[in-house]
Structure formats: C-alpha cells, structure tokens
Amino acid sequence: METKPARVRILDAAHELMLTVGLARATTKEIAKEAGCSEAALYKYFASKEELFICVLTERLPQLTPLLRSLAAEPGQSTLEENLTEIARQAALFYEQSFPIAASLYAETQLKRRHDDVMRQMGRGPHMPIQGVDTYLRAEQELGRVSLDADTFAAASLLLGACAQRAFAYDATREAVRPPVDDFAQRLARTLLTGIAD
C-alpha cells in the first residue's frame, strides 16, 4: 500500500482535527501525530498553524474562487440564473464545511487576530468571495444582463450572506435540518435576479 506524501497526510489530519475539535483546539503537535510525522516536519510544509488552516480551506473544501474567476473572465456564458445558482451552491457547501472549523476562532480574540493577519499577508479572507461575485456581476452588467441601477456589491453580499447563514441558522430548528443545497441555491438565485436582472 502506497503511503501518501507528508504534506497530504498533514492536510488530511488537520482537516479532520479541525472538524472534530475545532481550530482553536487542533494543535500542530496533535496534527503532526495524526499525520504520522514530527511537528518539525509539519513546519517544513507550513510556516504556521494559520497557514495550515488557510491551506485546508483552499485545498480541502468546495472551491468558490476558481468558479468566480472563470465566470468573471467569460461573462455571458450560460444564463445568469444558472451561474448565480452554481455560485450559491458552491458557497453554501463551502460555508457548511468551513463554519465548524472556523467557529472557534471567534471565541479567542488573539487567535482570530493572528489568523486575520496571516490571511491579509496571503491575500485571502472572507471578503474575497464577495469581491469575486461583485466582479462577476459587474462584468454581466457591462454585457447588459444585469441592470445598470443594480448595486452589485450589495447583491454579492446578500447572496453570500444567505449562504453563510445557511451553515448554522437551521441547527436550532425543531428538525435541525438545513434546506437542501440545490433547492436553496436555485431559490436564492431566482429571488436575487428579481432585483438585479435587466
């Protein structure tokens, strides 16, 4: 049986531990132990726990950024509703999987500050998808598929905010069940379109 490369094992272990015990409690020592390597080996691949966390987000969770870049680079492909539905679907899945990992950040101010600093240094952060959707909608606006009066930044914020809210808002309901992602994404896209379509 072939052993996975150390970097892959570290990312797998970090992802699993961050999901089960949360980011704040997933130490690099525990991650290295789960990955079957030393803590020193972990630091050969990742400069910090913060960098490791960002790599887990970008390499182990549903990817929104490539989709947004592709849509912004070639607007007008597919229908606006189809594109917004796919954005909402990918975003809902991303937030659903990242929320349990990142939630513990908000309980520890210093940890959150360190993570925010590293994200800024790496050009990452939770604001980036909003900028990506805004860029895409402005490209569609130039093609005349989005109304010139539409506030594309507000539309992007509404779309992604609803997707993020889906990750945790339904846990407190009697059924504790999130709306099915495909139906949720389609309904969200259609509703948003009533406000921005030309």
C-alpha atoms as a PDB file:
ATOM      1  CA  MET A   1       0.000   0.000   0.000  1.00  0.00           C
ATOM      2  CA  GLU A   2       1.397   3.365  -1.067  1.00  0.00           C
ATOM      3  CA  THR A   3       1.815   5.993   1.640  1.00  0.00           C
ATOM      4  CA  LYS A   4       0.536   9.473   0.902  1.00  0.00           C
ATOM      5  CA  PRO A   5       3.114  12.280   0.776  1.00  0.00           C
ATOM      6  CA  ALA A   6       3.699  14.020   4.136  1.00  0.00           C
ATOM      7  CA  ARG A   7       2.068  17.293   3.044  1.00  0.00           C
ATOM      8  CA  VAL A   8      -1.122  15.462   2.017  1.00  0.00           C
ATOM      9  CA  ARG A   9      -1.187  13.497   5.293  1.00  0.00           C
ATOM     10  CA  ILE A  10      -0.751  16.735   7.258  1.00  0.00           C
ATOM     11  CA  LEU A  11      -3.596  18.446   5.389  1.00  0.00           C
ATOM     12  CA  ASP A  12      -5.840  15.396   5.860  1.00  0.00           C
ATOM     13  CA  ALA A  13      -5.069  15.241   9.590  1.00  0.00           C
ATOM     14  CA  ALA A  14      -5.531  18.996  10.039  1.00  0.00           C
ATOM     15  CA  HIS A  15      -8.857  18.914   8.208  1.00  0.00           C
ATOM     16  CA  GLU A  16     -10.134  16.016  10.335  1.00  0.00           C
ATOM     17  CA  LEU A  17      -8.975  17.511  13.650  1.00  0.00           C
ATOM     18  CA  MET A  18     -10.252  20.984  12.810  1.00  0.00           C
ATOM     19  CA  LEU A  19     -13.655  19.460  12.030  1.00  0.00           C
ATOM     20  CA  THR A  20     -13.821  17.355  15.176  1.00  0.00           C
ATOM     21  CA  VAL A  21     -12.203  19.531  17.872  1.00  0.00           C
ATOM     22  CA  GLY A  22     -12.236  22.948  16.208  1.00  0.00           C
ATOM     23  CA  LEU A  23      -9.432  25.155  15.014  1.00  0.00           C
ATOM     24  CA  ALA A  24      -8.550  26.577  18.441  1.00  0.00           C
ATOM     25  CA  ARG A  25      -8.002  23.138  19.968  1.00  0.00           C
ATOM     26  CA  ALA A  26      -6.313  21.470  16.982  1.00  0.00           C
ATOM     27  CA  THR A  27      -2.652  21.909  17.904  1.00  0.00           C
ATOM     28  CA  THR A  28       0.207  21.437  15.463  1.00  0.00           C
ATOM     29  CA  LYS A  29       1.536  18.715  17.785  1.00  0.00           C
ATOM     30  CA  GLU A  30      -1.748  16.760  17.535  1.00  0.00           C
ATOM     31  CA  ILE A  31      -1.967  17.346  13.779  1.00  0.00           C
ATOM     32  CA  ALA A  32       1.582  16.042  13.285  1.00  0.00           C
ATOM     33  CA  LYS A  33       0.853  12.998  15.461  1.00  0.00           C
ATOM     34  CA  GLU A  34      -2.310  12.205  13.437  1.00  0.00           C
ATOM     35  CA  ALA A  35      -0.334  12.633  10.206  1.00  0.00           C
ATOM     36  CA  GLY A  36       2.382  10.258  11.400  1.00  0.00           C
ATOM     37  CA  CYS A  37       5.162  12.816  11.303  1.00  0.00           C
ATOM     38  CA  SER A  38       7.048  15.122  13.640  1.00  0.00           C
ATOM     39  CA  GLU A  39       5.967  18.648  14.432  1.00  0.00           C
ATOM     40  CA  ALA A  40       9.238  19.810  12.816  1.00  0.00           C
ATOM     41  CA  ALA A  41       8.200  18.048   9.597  1.00  0.00           C
ATOM     42  CA  LEU A  42       4.855  19.864   9.684  1.00  0.00           C
ATOM     43  CA  TYR A  43       6.699  23.184   9.815  1.00  0.00           C
ATOM     44  CA  LYS A  44       8.727  22.217   6.728  1.00  0.00           C
ATOM     45  CA  TYR A  45       5.497  22.461   4.723  1.00  0.00           C
ATOM     46  CA  PHE A  46       3.550  25.118   6.623  1.00  0.00           C
ATOM     47  CA  ALA A  47       5.013  28.224   8.266  1.00  0.00           C
ATOM     48  CA  SER A  48       2.281  28.357  10.900  1.00  0.00           C
ATOM     49  CA  LYS A  49      -0.973  26.821  12.052  1.00  0.00           C
ATOM     50  CA  GLU A  50      -2.706  29.800  10.440  1.00  0.00           C
ATOM     51  CA  GLU A  51      -1.168  28.997   7.062  1.00  0.00           C
ATOM     52  CA  LEU A  52      -2.157  25.349   7.501  1.00  0.00           C
ATOM     53  CA  PHE A  53      -5.745  26.415   8.222  1.00  0.00           C
ATOM     54  CA  ILE A  54      -5.861  28.537   5.056  1.00  0.00           C
ATOM     55  CA  CYS A  55      -4.479  25.629   3.027  1.00  0.00           C
ATOM     56  CA  VAL A  56      -7.176  23.333   4.466  1.00  0.00           C
ATOM     57  CA  LEU A  57      -9.815  25.868   3.404  1.00  0.00           C
ATOM     58  CA  THR A  58      -8.404  26.253  -0.094  1.00  0.00           C
ATOM     59  CA  GLU A  59      -7.424  22.623  -0.757  1.00  0.00           C
ATOM     60  CA  ARG A  60      -9.962  20.507   1.136  1.00  0.00           C
ATOM     61  CA  LEU A  61     -13.262  22.407   0.885  1.00  0.00           C
ATOM     62  CA  PRO A  62     -15.534  23.212  -2.085  1.00  0.00           C
ATOM     63  CA  GLN A  63     -13.841  25.821  -4.230  1.00  0.00           C
ATOM     64  CA  LEU A  64     -15.633  29.052  -4.997  1.00  0.00           C
ATOM     65  CA  THR A  65     -12.694  31.177  -6.179  1.00  0.00           C
ATOM     66  CA  PRO A  66     -11.940  29.267  -9.428  1.00  0.00           C
ATOM     67  CA  LEU A  67     -15.635  29.381 -10.356  1.00  0.00           C
ATOM     68  CA  LEU A  68     -15.835  33.134  -9.741  1.00  0.00           C
ATOM     69  CA  ARG A  69     -12.644  33.818 -11.714  1.00  0.00           C
ATOM     70  CA  SER A  70     -13.922  31.755 -14.619  1.00  0.00           C
ATOM     71  CA  LEU A  71     -17.314  33.487 -14.674  1.00  0.00           C
ATOM     72  CA  ALA A  72     -15.774  36.981 -14.416  1.00  0.00           C
ATOM     73  CA  ALA A  73     -13.283  36.187 -17.192  1.00  0.00           C
ATOM     74  CA  GLU A  74     -16.035  34.980 -19.547  1.00  0.00           C
ATOM     75  CA  PRO A  75     -19.332  36.610 -18.592  1.00  0.00           C
ATOM     76  CA  GLY A  76     -22.368  35.819 -20.680  1.00  0.00           C
ATOM     77  CA  GLN A  77     -21.796  32.066 -20.560  1.00  0.00           C
ATOM     78  CA  SER A  78     -24.907  30.116 -19.514  1.00  0.00           C
ATOM     79  CA  THR A  79     -27.844  32.037 -18.120  1.00  0.00           C
ATOM     80  CA  LEU A  80     -27.471  34.484 -15.277  1.00  0.00           C
ATOM     81  CA  GLU A  81     -29.768  32.279 -13.189  1.00  0.00           C
ATOM     82  CA  GLU A  82     -27.668  29.172 -13.851  1.00  0.00           C
ATOM     83  CA  ASN A  83     -24.463  30.995 -12.923  1.00  0.00           C
ATOM     84  CA  LEU A  84     -25.888  32.512  -9.737  1.00  0.00           C
ATOM     85  CA  THR A  85     -27.345  29.132  -8.760  1.00  0.00           C
ATOM     86  CA  GLU A  86     -23.947  27.474  -9.137  1.00  0.00           C
ATOM     87  CA  ILE A  87     -22.263  30.264  -7.162  1.00  0.00           C
ATOM     88  CA  ALA A  88     -24.853  29.877  -4.390  1.00  0.00           C
ATOM     89  CA  ARG A  89     -24.493  26.092  -4.394  1.00  0.00           C
ATOM     90  CA  GLN A  90     -20.700  26.179  -4.116  1.00  0.00           C
ATOM     91  CA  ALA A  91     -20.807  28.941  -1.489  1.00  0.00           C
ATOM     92  CA  ALA A  92     -23.412  27.118   0.616  1.00  0.00           C
ATOM     93  CA  LEU A  93     -21.315  23.940   0.582  1.00  0.00           C
ATOM     94  CA  PHE A  94     -18.137  25.880   1.405  1.00  0.00           C
ATOM     95  CA  TYR A  95     -19.703  27.674   4.377  1.00  0.00           C
ATOM     96  CA  GLU A  96     -21.375  24.474   5.570  1.00  0.00           C
ATOM     97  CA  GLN A  97     -17.990  22.759   5.755  1.00  0.00           C
ATOM     98  CA  SER A  98     -15.869  25.703   6.903  1.00  0.00           C
ATOM     99  CA  PHE A  99     -18.146  27.024   9.637  1.00  0.00           C
ATOM    100  CA  PRO A 100     -17.496  24.163  12.112  1.00  0.00           C
ATOM    101  CA  ILE A 101     -13.752  24.572  11.552  1.00  0.00           C
ATOM    102  CA  ALA A 102     -13.574  28.354  11.873  1.00  0.00           C
ATOM    103  CA  ALA A 103     -16.230  28.958  14.548  1.00  0.00           C
ATOM    104  CA  SER A 104     -13.774  28.549  17.422  1.00  0.00           C
ATOM    105  CA  LEU A 105     -11.729  31.464  16.053  1.00  0.00           C
ATOM    106  CA  TYR A 106     -14.386  33.839  17.313  1.00  0.00           C
ATOM    107  CA  ALA A 107     -14.026  32.572  20.879  1.00  0.00           C
ATOM    108  CA  GLU A 108     -10.338  33.516  21.113  1.00  0.00           C
ATOM    109  CA  THR A 109      -9.560  37.110  20.185  1.00  0.00           C
ATOM    110  CA  GLN A 110      -5.777  36.672  19.901  1.00  0.00           C
ATOM    111  CA  LEU A 111      -6.129  33.576  17.727  1.00  0.00           C
ATOM    112  CA  LYS A 112      -8.589  35.378  15.442  1.00  0.00           C
ATOM    113  CA  ARG A 113      -6.252  38.370  15.173  1.00  0.00           C
ATOM    114  CA  ARG A 114      -3.327  36.099  14.197  1.00  0.00           C
ATOM    115  CA  HIS A 115      -5.442  34.349  11.582  1.00  0.00           C
ATOM    116  CA  ASP A 116      -6.671  37.663  10.173  1.00  0.00           C
ATOM    117  CA  ASP A 117      -3.075  38.906   9.920  1.00  0.00           C
ATOM    118  CA  VAL A 118      -1.934  35.775   8.070  1.00  0.00           C
ATOM    119  CA  MET A 119      -4.944  35.916   5.731  1.00  0.00           C
ATOM    120  CA  ARG A 120      -4.125  39.542   4.888  1.00  0.00           C
ATOM    121  CA  GLN A 121      -0.482  38.606   4.215  1.00  0.00           C
ATOM    122  CA  MET A 122      -1.593  35.767   1.929  1.00  0.00           C
ATOM    123  CA  GLY A 123      -4.177  37.926   0.144  1.00  0.00           C
ATOM    124  CA  ARG A 124      -7.035  35.782   1.442  1.00  0.00           C
ATOM    125  CA  GLY A 125     -10.036  36.300   3.668  1.00  0.00           C
ATOM    126  CA  PRO A 126     -13.804  36.031   3.906  1.00  0.00           C
ATOM    127  CA  HIS A 127     -14.238  39.267   1.949  1.00  0.00           C
ATOM    128  CA  MET A 128     -12.661  37.775  -1.181  1.00  0.00           C
ATOM    129  CA  PRO A 129     -15.716  35.794  -2.386  1.00  0.00           C
ATOM    130  CA  ILE A 130     -17.859  38.938  -2.048  1.00  0.00           C
ATOM    131  CA  GLN A 131     -15.357  40.815  -4.217  1.00  0.00           C
ATOM    132  CA  GLY A 132     -15.364  37.893  -6.676  1.00  0.00           C
ATOM    133  CA  VAL A 133     -19.154  37.833  -7.032  1.00  0.00           C
ATOM    134  CA  ASP A 134     -19.191  41.635  -7.311  1.00  0.00           C
ATOM    135  CA  THR A 135     -16.584  41.478 -10.104  1.00  0.00           C
ATOM    136  CA  TYR A 136     -18.612  38.834 -11.922  1.00  0.00           C
ATOM    137  CA  LEU A 137     -21.877  40.799 -11.616  1.00  0.00           C
ATOM    138  CA  ARG A 138     -20.185  43.985 -12.869  1.00  0.00           C
ATOM    139  CA  ALA A 139     -18.932  42.030 -15.908  1.00  0.00           C
ATOM    140  CA  GLU A 140     -22.512  40.876 -16.551  1.00  0.00           C
ATOM    141  CA  GLN A 141     -23.660  44.476 -16.042  1.00  0.00           C
ATOM    142  CA  GLU A 142     -21.340  45.573 -18.856  1.00  0.00           C
ATOM    143  CA  LEU A 143     -22.994  42.972 -21.110  1.00  0.00           C
ATOM    144  CA  GLY A 144     -26.428  44.310 -20.224  1.00  0.00           C
ATOM    145  CA  ARG A 145     -27.571  41.181 -18.374  1.00  0.00           C
ATOM    146  CA  VAL A 146     -27.579  42.974 -15.003  1.00  0.00           C
ATOM    147  CA  SER A 147     -29.382  46.280 -14.601  1.00  0.00           C
ATOM    148  CA  LEU A 148     -27.158  49.373 -14.597  1.00  0.00           C
ATOM    149  CA  ASP A 149     -29.052  50.504 -11.483  1.00  0.00           C
ATOM    150  CA  ALA A 150     -28.210  47.300  -9.590  1.00  0.00           C
ATOM    151  CA  ASP A 151     -25.816  47.569  -6.640  1.00  0.00           C
ATOM    152  CA  THR A 152     -23.588  44.611  -7.490  1.00  0.00           C
ATOM    153  CA  PHE A 153     -21.680  44.745  -4.197  1.00  0.00           C
ATOM    154  CA  ALA A 154     -24.916  44.631  -2.201  1.00  0.00           C
ATOM    155  CA  ALA A 155     -26.190  41.770  -4.388  1.00  0.00           C
ATOM    156  CA  ALA A 156     -22.947  39.824  -3.822  1.00  0.00           C
ATOM    157  CA  SER A 157     -23.175  40.456  -0.080  1.00  0.00           C
ATOM    158  CA  LEU A 158     -26.801  39.304   0.035  1.00  0.00           C
ATOM    159  CA  LEU A 159     -26.087  36.141  -1.933  1.00  0.00           C
ATOM    160  CA  LEU A 160     -23.075  35.058   0.091  1.00  0.00           C
ATOM    161  CA  GLY A 161     -24.563  36.213   3.381  1.00  0.00           C
ATOM    162  CA  ALA A 162     -27.542  33.931   2.848  1.00  0.00           C
ATOM    163  CA  CYS A 163     -25.219  31.039   2.000  1.00  0.00           C
ATOM    164  CA  ALA A 164     -23.161  31.622   5.142  1.00  0.00           C
ATOM    165  CA  GLN A 165     -26.317  31.901   7.248  1.00  0.00           C
ATOM    166  CA  ARG A 166     -27.482  28.503   5.976  1.00  0.00           C
ATOM    167  CA  ALA A 167     -24.401  26.927   7.586  1.00  0.00           C
ATOM    168  CA  PHE A 168     -25.644  27.479  11.122  1.00  0.00           C
ATOM    169  CA  ALA A 169     -29.082  29.109  11.234  1.00  0.00           C
ATOM    170  CA  TYR A 170     -31.076  25.893  10.927  1.00  0.00           C
ATOM    171  CA  ASP A 171     -29.342  23.953  13.713  1.00  0.00           C
ATOM    172  CA  ALA A 172     -31.755  25.448  16.262  1.00  0.00           C
ATOM    173  CA  THR A 173     -34.948  24.498  14.430  1.00  0.00           C
ATOM    174  CA  ARG A 174     -37.064  21.591  15.648  1.00  0.00           C
ATOM    175  CA  GLU A 175     -35.879  19.413  12.747  1.00  0.00           C
ATOM    176  CA  ALA A 176     -32.272  20.724  12.835  1.00  0.00           C
ATOM    177  CA  VAL A 177     -32.087  20.243   9.061  1.00  0.00           C
ATOM    178  CA  ARG A 178     -30.623  22.680   6.559  1.00  0.00           C
ATOM    179  CA  PRO A 179     -32.597  23.366   3.382  1.00  0.00           C
ATOM    180  CA  PRO A 180     -31.339  21.036   0.611  1.00  0.00           C
ATOM    181  CA  VAL A 181     -28.470  22.828  -1.088  1.00  0.00           C
ATOM    182  CA  ASP A 182     -29.663  22.555  -4.707  1.00  0.00           C
ATOM    183  CA  ASP A 183     -33.157  23.841  -3.974  1.00  0.00           C
ATOM    184  CA  PHE A 184     -31.783  26.546  -1.667  1.00  0.00           C
ATOM    185  CA  ALA A 185     -29.297  27.755  -4.313  1.00  0.00           C
ATOM    186  CA  GLN A 186     -31.894  27.887  -7.077  1.00  0.00           C
ATOM    187  CA  ARG A 187     -34.467  29.764  -4.965  1.00  0.00           C
ATOM    188  CA  LEU A 188     -31.817  32.211  -3.780  1.00  0.00           C
ATOM    189  CA  ALA A 189     -30.607  32.902  -7.339  1.00  0.00           C
ATOM    190  CA  ARG A 190     -34.155  33.432  -8.635  1.00  0.00           C
ATOM    191  CA  THR A 191     -35.006  35.810  -5.798  1.00  0.00           C
ATOM    192  CA  LEU A 192     -31.804  37.809  -6.281  1.00  0.00           C
ATOM    193  CA  LEU A 193     -32.452  38.045 -10.011  1.00  0.00           C
ATOM    194  CA  THR A 194     -35.784  39.802  -9.450  1.00  0.00           C
ATOM    195  CA  GLY A 195     -33.814  42.694  -8.002  1.00  0.00           C
ATOM    196  CA  ILE A 196     -30.876  42.900 -10.412  1.00  0.00           C
ATOM    197  CA  ALA A 197     -31.804  41.450 -13.812  1.00  0.00           C
ATOM    198  CA  ASP A 198     -32.185  43.853 -16.693  1.00  0.00           C
END
